Each structure stands twice: as structure tokens, then as C-alpha cells.
PDB file of all heavy atoms in Angstrom:
ATOM      1  N   ALA A   1      -6.098   2.891   0.590  1.00  0.00           N
ATOM      2  CA  ALA A   1      -6.109   2.582  -0.840  1.00  0.00           C
ATOM      3  C   ALA A   1      -4.713   2.643  -1.459  1.00  0.00           C
ATOM      4  O   ALA A   1      -4.277   1.697  -2.118  1.00  0.00           O
ATOM      5  CB  ALA A   1      -7.066   3.521  -1.558  1.00  0.00           C
ATOM      6  N   PRO A   2      -3.942   3.740  -1.249  1.00  0.00           N
ATOM      7  CA  PRO A   2      -2.572   3.749  -1.782  1.00  0.00           C
ATOM      8  C   PRO A   2      -1.716   2.644  -1.187  1.00  0.00           C
ATOM      9  O   PRO A   2      -0.885   2.061  -1.877  1.00  0.00           O
ATOM     10  CB  PRO A   2      -2.049   5.131  -1.394  1.00  0.00           C
ATOM     11  CG  PRO A   2      -3.259   5.963  -1.244  1.00  0.00           C
ATOM     12  CD  PRO A   2      -4.298   5.044  -0.684  1.00  0.00           C
ATOM     13  N   ALA A   3      -1.913   2.341   0.064  1.00  0.00           N
ATOM     14  CA  ALA A   3      -1.125   1.290   0.693  1.00  0.00           C
ATOM     15  C   ALA A   3      -1.399  -0.050   0.029  1.00  0.00           C
ATOM     16  O   ALA A   3      -0.482  -0.831  -0.244  1.00  0.00           O
ATOM     17  CB  ALA A   3      -1.452   1.222   2.184  1.00  0.00           C
ATOM     18  N   ALA A   4      -2.686  -0.294  -0.278  1.00  0.00           N
ATOM     19  CA  ALA A   4      -3.031  -1.549  -0.941  1.00  0.00           C
ATOM     20  C   ALA A   4      -2.414  -1.605  -2.348  1.00  0.00           C
ATOM     21  O   ALA A   4      -1.979  -2.658  -2.813  1.00  0.00           O
ATOM     22  CB  ALA A   4      -4.549  -1.686  -1.033  1.00  0.00           C
ATOM     23  N   LEU A   5      -2.361  -0.439  -3.017  1.00  0.00           N
ATOM     24  CA  LEU A   5      -1.776  -0.386  -4.354  1.00  0.00           C
ATOM     25  C   LEU A   5      -0.282  -0.687  -4.324  1.00  0.00           C
ATOM     26  O   LEU A   5       0.245  -1.416  -5.159  1.00  0.00           O
ATOM     27  CB  LEU A   5      -2.025   1.002  -4.965  1.00  0.00           C
ATOM     28  CG  LEU A   5      -1.471   1.233  -6.380  1.00  0.00           C
ATOM     29  CD1 LEU A   5      -2.089   0.242  -7.351  1.00  0.00           C
ATOM     30  CD2 LEU A   5      -1.740   2.663  -6.818  1.00  0.00           C
ATOM     31  N   VAL A   6       0.393  -0.144  -3.288  1.00  0.00           N
ATOM     32  CA  VAL A   6       1.837  -0.395  -3.152  1.00  0.00           C
ATOM     33  C   VAL A   6       2.096  -1.871  -2.924  1.00  0.00           C
ATOM     34  O   VAL A   6       3.001  -2.476  -3.529  1.00  0.00           O
ATOM     35  CB  VAL A   6       2.427   0.451  -2.003  1.00  0.00           C
ATOM     36  CG1 VAL A   6       3.858   0.017  -1.705  1.00  0.00           C
ATOM     37  CG2 VAL A   6       2.382   1.920  -2.371  1.00  0.00           C
ATOM     38  N   VAL A   7       1.268  -2.482  -2.067  1.00  0.00           N
ATOM     39  CA  VAL A   7       1.437  -3.913  -1.781  1.00  0.00           C
ATOM     40  C   VAL A   7       1.204  -4.734  -3.042  1.00  0.00           C
ATOM     41  O   VAL A   7       1.926  -5.679  -3.342  1.00  0.00           O
ATOM     42  CB  VAL A   7       0.474  -4.346  -0.650  1.00  0.00           C
ATOM     43  CG1 VAL A   7       0.491  -5.856  -0.489  1.00  0.00           C
ATOM     44  CG2 VAL A   7       0.862  -3.667   0.656  1.00  0.00           C
ATOM     45  N   ALA A   8       0.183  -4.346  -3.854  1.00  0.00           N
ATOM     46  CA  ALA A   8      -0.122  -5.093  -5.075  1.00  0.00           C
ATOM     47  C   ALA A   8       1.007  -4.985  -6.091  1.00  0.00           C
ATOM     48  O   ALA A   8       1.378  -5.964  -6.750  1.00  0.00           O
ATOM     49  CB  ALA A   8      -1.431  -4.589  -5.679  1.00  0.00           C
ATOM     50  N   LEU A   9       1.584  -3.788  -6.245  1.00  0.00           N
ATOM     51  CA  LEU A   9       2.686  -3.599  -7.178  1.00  0.00           C
ATOM     52  C   LEU A   9       3.909  -4.376  -6.750  1.00  0.00           C
ATOM     53  O   LEU A   9       4.636  -4.948  -7.580  1.00  0.00           O
ATOM     54  CB  LEU A   9       3.031  -2.110  -7.314  1.00  0.00           C
ATOM     55  CG  LEU A   9       1.990  -1.251  -8.039  1.00  0.00           C
ATOM     56  CD1 LEU A   9       2.380   0.218  -7.972  1.00  0.00           C
ATOM     57  CD2 LEU A   9       1.818  -1.703  -9.481  1.00  0.00           C
ATOM     58  N   ALA A  10       4.148  -4.408  -5.458  1.00  0.00           N
ATOM     59  CA  ALA A  10       5.298  -5.137  -4.950  1.00  0.00           C
ATOM     60  C   ALA A  10       5.140  -6.627  -5.195  1.00  0.00           C
ATOM     61  O   ALA A  10       6.112  -7.346  -5.448  1.00  0.00           O
ATOM     62  CB  ALA A  10       5.488  -4.858  -3.462  1.00  0.00           C
ATOM     63  N   ALA A  11       3.896  -7.087  -5.140  1.00  0.00           N
ATOM     64  CA  ALA A  11       3.649  -8.515  -5.323  1.00  0.00           C
ATOM     65  C   ALA A  11       3.629  -8.919  -6.785  1.00  0.00           C
ATOM     66  O   ALA A  11       3.751 -10.092  -7.126  1.00  0.00           O
ATOM     67  CB  ALA A  11       2.318  -8.911  -4.672  1.00  0.00           C
ATOM     68  N   ALA A  12       3.457  -7.939  -7.731  1.00  0.00           N
ATOM     69  CA  ALA A  12       3.379  -8.257  -9.154  1.00  0.00           C
ATOM     70  C   ALA A  12       4.729  -8.747  -9.659  1.00  0.00           C
ATOM     71  O   ALA A  12       5.773  -8.241  -9.261  1.00  0.00           O
ATOM     72  CB  ALA A  12       2.958  -7.017  -9.950  1.00  0.00           C
ATOM     73  N   PRO A  13       4.765  -9.735 -10.576  1.00  0.00           N
ATOM     74  CA  PRO A  13       6.030 -10.268 -11.077  1.00  0.00           C
ATOM     75  C   PRO A  13       6.735  -9.257 -11.977  1.00  0.00           C
ATOM     76  O   PRO A  13       6.101  -8.524 -12.732  1.00  0.00           O
ATOM     77  CB  PRO A  13       5.585 -11.502 -11.881  1.00  0.00           C
ATOM     78  CG  PRO A  13       4.166 -11.225 -12.271  1.00  0.00           C
ATOM     79  CD  PRO A  13       3.587 -10.425 -11.152  1.00  0.00           C
ATOM     80  N   ALA A  14       8.049  -9.202 -11.914  1.00  0.00           N
ATOM     81  CA  ALA A  14       8.833  -8.296 -12.754  1.00  0.00           C
ATOM     82  C   ALA A  14       8.864  -8.821 -14.183  1.00  0.00           C
ATOM     83  O   ALA A  14       8.651 -10.000 -14.433  1.00  0.00           O
ATOM     84  CB  ALA A  14      10.265  -8.183 -12.214  1.00  0.00           C
ATOM     85  N   ALA A  15       9.118  -7.897 -15.135  1.00  0.00           N
ATOM     86  CA  ALA A  15       9.182  -8.290 -16.545  1.00  0.00           C
ATOM     87  C   ALA A  15      10.299  -9.313 -16.742  1.00  0.00           C
ATOM     88  O   ALA A  15      11.404  -9.158 -16.228  1.00  0.00           O
ATOM     89  CB  ALA A  15       9.435  -7.068 -17.433  1.00  0.00           C
ATOM     90  N   ALA A  16       9.984 -10.378 -17.465  1.00  0.00           N
ATOM     91  CA  ALA A  16      10.946 -11.456 -17.654  1.00  0.00           C
ATOM     92  C   ALA A  16      12.096 -10.985 -18.541  1.00  0.00           C
ATOM     93  O   ALA A  16      11.899 -10.237 -19.499  1.00  0.00           O
ATOM     94  CB  ALA A  16      10.258 -12.653 -18.282  1.00  0.00           C
ATOM     95  N   GLU A  17      13.310 -11.399 -18.200  1.00  0.00           N
ATOM     96  CA  GLU A  17      14.463 -11.075 -19.006  1.00  0.00           C
ATOM     97  C   GLU A  17      14.622 -12.105 -20.118  1.00  0.00           C
ATOM     98  O   GLU A  17      14.160 -13.237 -20.008  1.00  0.00           O
ATOM     99  CB  GLU A  17      15.721 -11.037 -18.138  1.00  0.00           C
ATOM    100  CG  GLU A  17      15.715  -9.947 -17.087  1.00  0.00           C
ATOM    101  CD  GLU A  17      17.014  -9.915 -16.305  1.00  0.00           C
ATOM    102  OE1 GLU A  17      17.829 -10.836 -16.514  1.00  0.00           O
ATOM    103  OE2 GLU A  17      17.200  -8.996 -15.507  1.00  0.00           O
ATOM    104  N   LEU A  18      15.306 -11.681 -21.188  1.00  0.00           N
ATOM    105  CA  LEU A  18      15.565 -12.622 -22.277  1.00  0.00           C
ATOM    106  C   LEU A  18      16.453 -13.754 -21.780  1.00  0.00           C
ATOM    107  O   LEU A  18      17.435 -13.512 -21.076  1.00  0.00           O
ATOM    108  CB  LEU A  18      16.253 -11.898 -23.438  1.00  0.00           C
ATOM    109  CG  LEU A  18      15.373 -11.109 -24.395  1.00  0.00           C
ATOM    110  CD1 LEU A  18      16.255 -10.350 -25.386  1.00  0.00           C
ATOM    111  CD2 LEU A  18      14.422 -12.013 -25.141  1.00  0.00           C
ATOM    112  N   PRO A  19      16.144 -14.973 -22.167  1.00  0.00           N
ATOM    113  CA  PRO A  19      17.001 -16.092 -21.780  1.00  0.00           C
ATOM    114  C   PRO A  19      18.404 -15.919 -22.345  1.00  0.00           C
ATOM    115  O   PRO A  19      18.592 -15.383 -23.442  1.00  0.00           O
ATOM    116  CB  PRO A  19      16.308 -17.307 -22.381  1.00  0.00           C
ATOM    117  CG  PRO A  19      14.891 -16.873 -22.573  1.00  0.00           C
ATOM    118  CD  PRO A  19      14.951 -15.415 -22.876  1.00  0.00           C
ATOM    119  N   GLU A  20      19.395 -16.389 -21.625  1.00  0.00           N
ATOM    120  CA  GLU A  20      20.784 -16.259 -22.051  1.00  0.00           C
ATOM    121  C   GLU A  20      21.040 -16.898 -23.405  1.00  0.00           C
ATOM    122  O   GLU A  20      21.780 -16.338 -24.231  1.00  0.00           O
ATOM    123  CB  GLU A  20      21.704 -16.875 -20.993  1.00  0.00           C
ATOM    124  CG  GLU A  20      23.194 -16.702 -21.277  1.00  0.00           C
ATOM    125  CD  GLU A  20      23.628 -15.249 -21.268  1.00  0.00           C
ATOM    126  OE1 GLU A  20      22.960 -14.438 -20.596  1.00  0.00           O
ATOM    127  OE2 GLU A  20      24.621 -14.929 -21.946  1.00  0.00           O
ATOM    128  N   PRO A  21      20.450 -18.079 -23.739  1.00  0.00           N
ATOM    129  CA  PRO A  21      20.681 -18.655 -25.078  1.00  0.00           C
ATOM    130  C   PRO A  21      20.221 -17.752 -26.224  1.00  0.00           C
ATOM    131  O   PRO A  21      20.847 -17.731 -27.286  1.00  0.00           O
ATOM    132  CB  PRO A  21      19.875 -19.960 -25.041  1.00  0.00           C
ATOM    133  CG  PRO A  21      19.812 -20.310 -23.596  1.00  0.00           C
ATOM    134  CD  PRO A  21      19.706 -19.001 -22.879  1.00  0.00           C
ATOM    135  N   VAL A  22      19.129 -17.002 -26.000  1.00  0.00           N
ATOM    136  CA  VAL A  22      18.649 -16.096 -27.052  1.00  0.00           C
ATOM    137  C   VAL A  22      19.635 -14.950 -27.248  1.00  0.00           C
ATOM    138  O   VAL A  22      19.940 -14.553 -28.387  1.00  0.00           O
ATOM    139  CB  VAL A  22      17.248 -15.557 -26.701  1.00  0.00           C
ATOM    140  CG1 VAL A  22      16.779 -14.560 -27.761  1.00  0.00           C
ATOM    141  CG2 VAL A  22      16.259 -16.698 -26.586  1.00  0.00           C
ATOM    142  N   ILE A  23      20.151 -14.423 -26.141  1.00  0.00           N
ATOM    143  CA  ILE A  23      21.134 -13.340 -26.239  1.00  0.00           C
ATOM    144  C   ILE A  23      22.372 -13.826 -26.982  1.00  0.00           C
ATOM    145  O   ILE A  23      22.906 -13.140 -27.865  1.00  0.00           O
ATOM    146  CB  ILE A  23      21.494 -12.818 -24.833  1.00  0.00           C
ATOM    147  CG1 ILE A  23      20.258 -12.226 -24.148  1.00  0.00           C
ATOM    148  CG2 ILE A  23      22.614 -11.783 -24.918  1.00  0.00           C
ATOM    149  CD1 ILE A  23      20.492 -11.782 -22.721  1.00  0.00           C
ATOM    150  N   ARG A  24      22.851 -15.035 -26.644  1.00  0.00           N
ATOM    151  CA  ARG A  24      24.032 -15.585 -27.312  1.00  0.00           C
ATOM    152  C   ARG A  24      23.758 -15.808 -28.802  1.00  0.00           C
ATOM    153  O   ARG A  24      24.632 -15.612 -29.648  1.00  0.00           O
ATOM    154  CB  ARG A  24      24.455 -16.892 -26.650  1.00  0.00           C
ATOM    155  CG  ARG A  24      25.084 -16.712 -25.269  1.00  0.00           C
ATOM    156  CD  ARG A  24      25.935 -17.916 -24.903  1.00  0.00           C
ATOM    157  NE  ARG A  24      25.167 -19.153 -24.944  1.00  0.00           N
ATOM    158  CZ  ARG A  24      24.531 -19.665 -23.903  1.00  0.00           C
ATOM    159  NH1 ARG A  24      24.559 -19.041 -22.728  1.00  0.00           N
ATOM    160  NH2 ARG A  24      23.859 -20.796 -24.014  1.00  0.00           N
ATOM    161  N   MET A  25      22.520 -16.223 -29.108  1.00  0.00           N
ATOM    162  CA  MET A  25      22.161 -16.464 -30.500  1.00  0.00           C
ATOM    163  C   MET A  25      22.228 -15.161 -31.310  1.00  0.00           C
ATOM    164  O   MET A  25      22.722 -15.139 -32.443  1.00  0.00           O
ATOM    165  CB  MET A  25      20.757 -17.060 -30.565  1.00  0.00           C
ATOM    166  CG  MET A  25      20.306 -17.471 -31.951  1.00  0.00           C
ATOM    167  SD  MET A  25      18.760 -18.410 -31.912  1.00  0.00           S
ATOM    168  CE  MET A  25      17.637 -17.164 -31.230  1.00  0.00           C
ATOM    169  N   LEU A  26      21.747 -14.059 -30.739  1.00  0.00           N
ATOM    170  CA  LEU A  26      21.808 -12.770 -31.419  1.00  0.00           C
ATOM    171  C   LEU A  26      23.250 -12.318 -31.607  1.00  0.00           C
ATOM    172  O   LEU A  26      23.626 -11.801 -32.670  1.00  0.00           O
ATOM    173  CB  LEU A  26      21.024 -11.727 -30.628  1.00  0.00           C
ATOM    174  CG  LEU A  26      19.498 -11.912 -30.568  1.00  0.00           C
ATOM    175  CD1 LEU A  26      18.880 -10.984 -29.528  1.00  0.00           C
ATOM    176  CD2 LEU A  26      18.877 -11.655 -31.944  1.00  0.00           C
ATOM    177  N   VAL A  27      24.076 -12.519 -30.566  1.00  0.00           N
ATOM    178  CA  VAL A  27      25.481 -12.116 -30.642  1.00  0.00           C
ATOM    179  C   VAL A  27      26.208 -12.919 -31.726  1.00  0.00           C
ATOM    180  O   VAL A  27      26.962 -12.369 -32.537  1.00  0.00           O
ATOM    181  CB  VAL A  27      26.165 -12.292 -29.273  1.00  0.00           C
ATOM    182  CG1 VAL A  27      27.675 -12.078 -29.399  1.00  0.00           C
ATOM    183  CG2 VAL A  27      25.585 -11.316 -28.260  1.00  0.00           C
ATOM    184  N   GLU A  28      25.987 -14.236 -31.751  1.00  0.00           N
ATOM    185  CA  GLU A  28      26.666 -15.092 -32.730  1.00  0.00           C
ATOM    186  C   GLU A  28      26.227 -14.770 -34.157  1.00  0.00           C
ATOM    187  O   GLU A  28      27.027 -14.852 -35.088  1.00  0.00           O
ATOM    188  CB  GLU A  28      26.400 -16.563 -32.410  1.00  0.00           C
ATOM    189  CG  GLU A  28      27.111 -17.072 -31.165  1.00  0.00           C
ATOM    190  CD  GLU A  28      28.618 -16.929 -31.272  1.00  0.00           C
ATOM    191  OE1 GLU A  28      29.167 -17.136 -32.384  1.00  0.00           O
ATOM    192  OE2 GLU A  28      29.253 -16.596 -30.258  1.00  0.00           O
ATOM    193  N   ALA A  29      24.954 -14.420 -34.331  1.00  0.00           N
ATOM    194  CA  ALA A  29      24.487 -14.064 -35.666  1.00  0.00           C
ATOM    195  C   ALA A  29      25.227 -12.835 -36.187  1.00  0.00           C
ATOM    196  O   ALA A  29      25.644 -12.794 -37.351  1.00  0.00           O
ATOM    197  CB  ALA A  29      22.983 -13.814 -35.655  1.00  0.00           C
ATOM    198  N   HIS A  30      25.398 -11.827 -35.324  1.00  0.00           N
ATOM    199  CA  HIS A  30      26.125 -10.626 -35.746  1.00  0.00           C
ATOM    200  C   HIS A  30      27.610 -10.923 -35.910  1.00  0.00           C
ATOM    201  O   HIS A  30      28.272 -10.319 -36.767  1.00  0.00           O
ATOM    202  CB  HIS A  30      25.922  -9.502 -34.731  1.00  0.00           C
ATOM    203  CG  HIS A  30      24.583  -8.835 -34.838  1.00  0.00           C
ATOM    204  ND1 HIS A  30      23.444  -9.347 -34.264  1.00  0.00           N
ATOM    205  CD2 HIS A  30      24.213  -7.688 -35.486  1.00  0.00           C
ATOM    206  CE1 HIS A  30      22.425  -8.546 -34.526  1.00  0.00           C
ATOM    207  NE2 HIS A  30      22.859  -7.541 -35.272  1.00  0.00           N
ATOM    208  N   ARG A  31      28.142 -11.820 -35.123  1.00  0.00           N
ATOM    209  CA  ARG A  31      29.554 -12.170 -35.254  1.00  0.00           C
ATOM    210  C   ARG A  31      29.810 -12.837 -36.605  1.00  0.00           C
ATOM    211  O   ARG A  31      30.856 -12.649 -37.214  1.00  0.00           O
ATOM    212  CB  ARG A  31      29.971 -13.095 -34.116  1.00  0.00           C
ATOM    213  CG  ARG A  31      31.464 -13.403 -34.075  1.00  0.00           C
ATOM    214  CD  ARG A  31      31.797 -14.185 -32.814  1.00  0.00           C
ATOM    215  NE  ARG A  31      31.537 -13.372 -31.633  1.00  0.00           N
ATOM    216  CZ  ARG A  31      31.535 -13.862 -30.396  1.00  0.00           C
ATOM    217  NH1 ARG A  31      31.733 -15.159 -30.183  1.00  0.00           N
ATOM    218  NH2 ARG A  31      31.293 -13.062 -29.374  1.00  0.00           N
ATOM    219  N   GLY A  32      28.833 -13.623 -37.082  1.00  0.00           N
ATOM    220  CA  GLY A  32      28.977 -14.247 -38.389  1.00  0.00           C
ATOM    221  C   GLY A  32      28.940 -13.252 -39.530  1.00  0.00           C
ATOM    222  O   GLY A  32      29.525 -13.489 -40.594  1.00  0.00           O
ATOM    223  N   GLY A  33      28.215 -12.140 -39.373  1.00  0.00           N
ATOM    224  CA  GLY A  33      28.222 -11.085 -40.371  1.00  0.00           C
ATOM    225  C   GLY A  33      27.333 -11.313 -41.569  1.00  0.00           C
ATOM    226  O   GLY A  33      27.396 -10.553 -42.540  1.00  0.00           O
ATOM    227  N   ASP A  34      26.490 -12.333 -41.547  1.00  0.00           N
ATOM    228  CA  ASP A  34      25.574 -12.609 -42.657  1.00  0.00           C
ATOM    229  C   ASP A  34      24.262 -11.870 -42.391  1.00  0.00           C
ATOM    230  O   ASP A  34      23.515 -12.214 -41.483  1.00  0.00           O
ATOM    231  CB  ASP A  34      25.325 -14.116 -42.766  1.00  0.00           C
ATOM    232  CG  ASP A  34      24.526 -14.490 -44.008  1.00  0.00           C
ATOM    233  OD1 ASP A  34      23.636 -13.724 -44.386  1.00  0.00           O
ATOM    234  OD2 ASP A  34      24.791 -15.558 -44.587  1.00  0.00           O
TER     235      ASP A  34
END
């Protein structure tokens, strides 16, 4: 049972990271200062 759980967790997809354009958009908004 634990072995099956380990295999299932390993197969589960990792949490998606924020796309680079969104990160740049947040940075540029703060750079503008509005």
C-alpha cells in the first residue's frame, strides 16, 4: 500500500509555475510606480 502511494505521488503532476509573461507584467507594474 505505501509503495503504491509513493508511485502515485511520483506520477502526479507538479504545481504549475506562473508563466514568465505574468511575472514580467507584475515587475513592470511595480517599476511604473502607479
